[in-house]
Amino acid sequence: MSYNNILSATQNGITTITINRPSKLNALNKETIQELHEGFKAANKDKNTKVIILTGSGEKAFVAGADISEFANFSVDNGGKLAAKGQELLFDFVEKLGTPVIAAVNGFALGGGLELAMACHFRIASDTAKMGLPEVSLGVIPGYGGTQRLPQLVGKGRAMEMIMTAGMIDAETAKNYGLVNHVTTQEELIPLAEKIAGKMMRNSSVAIAKAIKAVNANYAADKNGYKVEIKQFGKCFGTEDFKEGTTAFLEKRKADFPGK
């Protein structure tokens, strides 16, 4: 599939999706959100893809925010529909994806860019990265899940401060806050993401998908995370990966998971 605003390449079990609008600092517009949806959907269906890495082109920006020119003249109704569609099509979609997604934050991750990174299953960042939710400086609030996911990751007080000051934090502060897991140099960012992906690929992709469901359930108001965990734990016993993993353990050999 060809895209105008993203690049997608698969190698050694890893699909790397790159947001490619360098002249706009990789800002999210409607077309890019749709293409990202299609790119993630295709990677998730691809049996050769075990991990997805999301990053931005160049060294300046992961995603510098949403494309403000697209919604500057929106009405109340249009604004609500914009947020609802975006959350469903991309942000919630990525969070619920069965294939693990690592955000490799290579520069500015602001507004919708930080919201997209937070929708990924976890984040690593270059030491030049800057992160923030500056929406209130434009007279609006984060609309792609930022007011919900940021407090989950950094705590209510820090989230309130970041949102209300519209300020940016650097990569080390983001790491101290728990917003990103690792900080490295720009040159080592993708290699580190691939190294972490390699560790995940040694394990059962079926079990990982079930773990994602269980962890996400803890943050869903309409679900009991413990009950979801029990259900997903039980389902593991009916998989070929479980049979292979336990047999390999008892036979004292490395497991060769079929992914079923």
Protein backbone atom coordinates (compact mmCIF):
# COMPACT_ATOMS: atom_id res chain seq x y z
CA MET A 1 0.00 0.00 0.00
CA SER A 2 1.29 3.47 -0.89
CA TYR A 3 0.97 6.45 1.43
CA ASN A 4 1.49 10.19 1.09
CA ASN A 5 2.38 11.02 4.69
CA ILE A 6 3.83 7.89 6.28
CA LEU A 7 6.44 5.27 5.49
CA SER A 8 6.08 1.63 6.50
CA ALA A 9 8.79 -1.02 6.28
CA THR A 10 9.00 -4.53 7.74
CA GLN A 11 12.24 -6.34 8.52
CA ASN A 12 13.14 -9.15 10.91
CA GLY A 13 9.70 -9.19 12.52
CA ILE A 14 9.58 -5.43 13.12
CA THR A 15 7.41 -2.98 11.19
CA THR A 16 8.66 0.58 11.46
CA ILE A 17 6.05 3.23 10.73
CA THR A 18 7.49 6.70 10.14
CA ILE A 19 5.35 9.83 10.04
CA ASN A 20 6.79 11.64 7.04
CA ARG A 21 5.73 15.30 6.83
CA PRO A 22 9.05 16.97 7.61
CA SER A 23 8.02 20.35 6.17
CA LYS A 24 5.15 20.42 8.70
CA LEU A 25 7.24 18.91 11.53
CA ASN A 26 5.17 15.75 11.01
CA ALA A 27 1.98 17.45 12.21
CA LEU A 28 -1.15 15.31 12.21
CA ASN A 29 -3.84 16.15 9.66
CA LYS A 30 -6.89 14.10 8.67
CA GLU A 31 -5.07 12.32 5.88
CA THR A 32 -2.13 11.38 8.11
CA ILE A 33 -4.45 10.06 10.84
CA GLN A 34 -6.26 7.93 8.26
CA GLU A 35 -2.98 6.65 6.81
CA LEU A 36 -1.67 5.80 10.28
CA HIS A 37 -4.85 3.85 10.95
CA GLU A 38 -4.36 1.89 7.74
CA GLY A 39 -0.66 1.37 8.43
CA PHE A 40 -1.23 0.05 11.94
CA LYS A 41 -4.13 -2.11 10.76
CA ALA A 42 -2.00 -3.68 8.02
CA ALA A 43 0.95 -4.29 10.36
CA ASN A 44 -1.30 -5.86 12.98
CA LYS A 45 -2.70 -8.29 10.38
CA ASP A 46 0.74 -9.16 9.01
CA LYS A 47 1.87 -12.48 10.50
CA ASN A 48 5.48 -11.45 9.93
CA THR A 49 5.10 -8.43 12.21
CA LYS A 50 5.71 -9.10 15.90
CA VAL A 51 6.45 -5.52 17.05
CA ILE A 52 5.66 -2.08 15.63
CA ILE A 53 7.96 0.93 16.09
CA LEU A 54 6.46 4.37 15.51
CA THR A 55 8.69 7.38 14.90
CA GLY A 56 8.91 10.66 12.98
CA SER A 57 11.06 11.56 10.00
CA GLY A 58 14.10 13.73 10.53
CA GLU A 59 15.60 14.78 13.85
CA LYS A 60 13.40 17.75 14.77
CA ALA A 61 10.03 16.22 15.46
CA PHE A 62 8.20 13.03 16.32
CA VAL A 63 4.92 14.89 15.80
CA ALA A 64 4.84 18.63 16.54
CA GLY A 65 1.06 18.58 17.05
CA ALA A 66 -2.15 18.62 15.09
CA ASP A 67 -2.53 20.64 11.90
CA ILE A 68 -4.33 23.65 13.36
CA SER A 69 -5.26 25.05 9.96
CA GLU A 70 -7.73 22.17 9.52
CA PHE A 71 -9.90 23.03 12.51
CA ALA A 72 -9.34 26.71 13.30
CA ASN A 73 -12.85 27.60 12.10
CA PHE A 74 -14.71 24.59 13.47
CA SER A 75 -18.02 24.86 15.35
CA VAL A 76 -18.74 23.21 18.71
CA ASP A 77 -20.32 20.24 16.94
CA ASN A 78 -17.47 19.88 14.48
CA GLY A 79 -14.89 20.05 17.27
CA GLY A 80 -16.56 17.25 19.18
CA LYS A 81 -16.80 15.08 16.09
CA LEU A 82 -13.11 15.73 15.30
CA ALA A 83 -12.04 14.44 18.72
CA ALA A 84 -14.40 11.46 18.67
CA LYS A 85 -13.36 10.31 15.21
CA GLY A 86 -9.66 10.78 15.90
CA GLN A 87 -9.80 8.83 19.13
CA GLU A 88 -11.67 5.95 17.53
CA LEU A 89 -9.66 5.85 14.31
CA LEU A 90 -6.15 6.17 15.70
CA PHE A 91 -5.49 6.78 19.39
CA ASP A 92 -7.80 4.18 20.95
CA PHE A 93 -7.08 1.88 18.00
CA VAL A 94 -3.33 1.91 18.72
CA GLU A 95 -3.80 1.47 22.46
CA LYS A 96 -5.95 -1.65 21.92
CA LEU A 97 -3.75 -3.14 19.19
CA GLY A 98 -2.71 -6.73 19.84
CA THR A 99 0.75 -6.13 18.39
CA PRO A 100 2.98 -4.19 20.81
CA VAL A 101 3.77 -0.62 19.71
CA ILE A 102 6.91 1.26 20.81
CA ALA A 103 6.95 5.03 20.30
CA ALA A 104 10.48 6.17 19.44
CA VAL A 105 10.21 9.89 20.21
CA ASN A 106 12.91 11.53 18.12
CA GLY A 107 12.15 15.23 18.71
CA PHE A 108 9.17 17.43 19.52
CA ALA A 109 6.12 15.47 20.68
CA LEU A 110 3.55 18.17 21.32
CA GLY A 111 -0.24 18.17 21.53
CA GLY A 112 -1.58 15.41 19.33
CA GLY A 113 1.98 14.14 18.94
CA LEU A 114 2.37 13.47 22.64
CA GLU A 115 -1.14 12.05 22.71
CA LEU A 116 -0.16 9.63 19.95
CA ALA A 117 3.01 8.62 21.79
CA MET A 118 0.97 8.04 24.96
CA ALA A 119 -1.45 5.81 23.05
CA CYS A 120 1.47 3.50 22.21
CA HIS A 121 2.21 0.74 24.69
CA PHE A 122 5.36 2.46 25.91
CA ARG A 123 7.81 5.15 24.87
CA ILE A 124 11.54 5.71 24.49
CA ALA A 125 13.05 9.09 23.62
CA SER A 126 16.13 10.72 22.21
CA ASP A 127 17.96 13.08 24.56
CA THR A 128 16.88 15.97 22.31
CA ALA A 129 13.15 15.23 22.63
CA LYS A 130 10.71 17.76 24.09
CA MET A 131 7.19 16.86 25.19
CA GLY A 132 4.11 18.82 26.15
CA LEU A 133 0.40 19.51 25.76
CA PRO A 134 0.19 23.22 24.76
CA GLU A 135 -3.51 23.20 23.79
CA VAL A 136 -4.72 25.67 26.46
CA SER A 137 -2.45 28.31 24.91
CA LEU A 138 -4.74 28.06 21.87
CA GLY A 139 -7.95 28.24 23.89
CA VAL A 140 -8.71 24.51 23.66
CA ILE A 141 -7.85 21.34 25.59
CA PRO A 142 -6.24 18.07 24.53
CA GLY A 143 -8.87 16.13 22.59
CA TYR A 144 -7.15 12.91 21.59
CA GLY A 145 -6.98 11.35 25.05
CA GLY A 146 -4.34 13.58 26.59
CA THR A 147 -6.34 14.55 29.68
CA GLN A 148 -6.85 10.85 30.44
CA ARG A 149 -3.58 9.14 29.53
CA LEU A 150 -1.18 11.75 30.91
CA PRO A 151 -2.48 11.45 34.51
CA GLN A 152 -2.32 7.65 34.19
CA LEU A 153 1.36 7.89 33.30
CA VAL A 154 2.70 10.78 35.40
CA GLY A 155 0.07 11.29 38.12
CA LYS A 156 -2.71 13.85 38.46
CA GLY A 157 -0.65 16.71 39.88
CA ARG A 158 2.08 16.64 37.26
CA ALA A 159 -0.48 16.19 34.48
CA MET A 160 -2.47 19.18 35.72
CA GLU A 161 0.68 21.31 35.79
CA MET A 162 1.78 20.25 32.30
CA ILE A 163 -1.67 20.86 30.82
CA MET A 164 -2.39 24.16 32.59
CA THR A 165 1.04 25.73 32.01
CA ALA A 166 1.16 24.48 28.38
CA GLY A 167 4.88 24.00 28.97
CA MET A 168 7.35 21.49 27.60
CA ILE A 169 9.53 19.02 29.48
CA ASP A 170 12.78 17.50 28.28
CA ALA A 171 13.50 13.81 27.85
CA GLU A 172 15.18 13.29 31.22
CA THR A 173 12.28 14.95 33.05
CA ALA A 174 9.88 12.77 31.05
CA LYS A 175 11.84 9.71 32.18
CA ASN A 176 11.76 10.85 35.80
CA TYR A 177 8.00 11.37 35.50
CA GLY A 178 7.51 7.87 34.06
CA LEU A 179 6.32 9.25 30.73
CA VAL A 180 9.13 7.50 28.84
CA ASN A 181 10.97 4.30 29.76
CA HIS A 182 14.40 5.05 28.30
CA VAL A 183 16.42 8.01 27.02
CA THR A 184 19.27 7.62 24.57
CA THR A 185 21.07 9.53 21.84
CA GLN A 186 19.39 10.33 18.54
CA GLU A 187 21.69 7.87 16.78
CA GLU A 188 20.87 5.03 19.16
CA LEU A 189 17.11 5.63 19.36
CA ILE A 190 15.95 3.19 16.69
CA PRO A 191 18.63 0.59 17.53
CA LEU A 192 17.44 0.68 21.16
CA ALA A 193 13.82 0.28 20.05
CA GLU A 194 14.86 -2.67 17.90
CA LYS A 195 16.81 -4.20 20.80
CA ILE A 196 13.77 -4.01 23.07
CA ALA A 197 11.61 -5.38 20.25
CA GLY A 198 14.02 -8.29 19.91
CA LYS A 199 13.55 -9.16 23.57
CA MET A 200 9.78 -9.15 23.13
CA MET A 201 9.94 -11.31 20.02
CA ARG A 202 11.52 -14.14 22.00
CA ASN A 203 8.24 -14.50 23.85
CA SER A 204 4.73 -15.60 22.91
CA SER A 205 3.01 -13.03 20.69
CA VAL A 206 -0.33 -14.57 21.68
CA ALA A 207 0.39 -14.11 25.39
CA ILE A 208 1.62 -10.55 24.79
CA ALA A 209 -1.66 -9.64 23.03
CA LYS A 210 -3.62 -11.02 25.98
CA ALA A 211 -1.42 -9.12 28.44
CA ILE A 212 -2.15 -5.87 26.57
CA LYS A 213 -5.89 -6.52 26.95
CA ALA A 214 -5.53 -7.22 30.66
CA VAL A 215 -3.40 -4.17 31.42
CA ASN A 216 -5.66 -1.85 29.40
CA ALA A 217 -8.71 -3.14 31.26
CA ASN A 218 -7.40 -1.59 34.47
CA TYR A 219 -7.95 1.85 32.94
CA ALA A 220 -11.38 1.19 31.42
CA ALA A 221 -14.25 2.47 33.55
CA ASP A 222 -16.63 -0.24 32.32
CA LYS A 223 -14.31 -3.19 33.01
CA ASN A 224 -12.90 -5.04 36.00
CA GLY A 225 -9.22 -5.51 35.27
CA TYR A 226 -8.85 -8.50 37.58
CA LYS A 227 -11.71 -10.34 35.89
CA VAL A 228 -10.25 -9.58 32.45
CA GLU A 229 -6.89 -10.90 33.64
CA ILE A 230 -8.49 -14.12 34.88
CA LYS A 231 -10.29 -14.61 31.55
CA GLN A 232 -7.20 -13.90 29.42
CA PHE A 233 -5.05 -16.08 31.70
CA GLY A 234 -7.47 -18.96 31.20
CA LYS A 235 -7.53 -18.48 27.44
CA CYS A 236 -3.75 -18.90 27.32
CA PHE A 237 -4.16 -22.56 28.32
CA GLY A 238 -5.89 -23.29 25.01
CA THR A 239 -3.09 -21.93 22.84
CA GLU A 240 -0.30 -23.71 21.01
CA ASP A 241 2.11 -21.14 22.43
CA PHE A 242 1.26 -22.29 25.97
CA LYS A 243 1.88 -25.92 25.05
CA GLU A 244 5.20 -25.03 23.42
CA GLY A 245 6.31 -22.72 26.23
CA THR A 246 5.60 -25.17 29.03
CA THR A 247 7.01 -28.14 27.11
CA ALA A 248 10.20 -26.22 26.30
CA PHE A 249 10.57 -25.25 29.95
CA LEU A 250 10.19 -28.84 31.16
CA GLU A 251 12.56 -30.08 28.45
CA LYS A 252 15.05 -27.33 29.36
CA ARG A 253 15.24 -25.89 25.87
CA LYS A 254 14.46 -22.58 24.21
CA ALA A 255 10.82 -22.21 23.18
CA ASP A 256 9.93 -21.87 19.50
CA PHE A 257 6.53 -20.19 19.67
CA PRO A 258 4.22 -20.76 16.68
CA GLY A 259 2.19 -17.64 17.48
CA LYS A 260 -1.07 -19.53 17.77
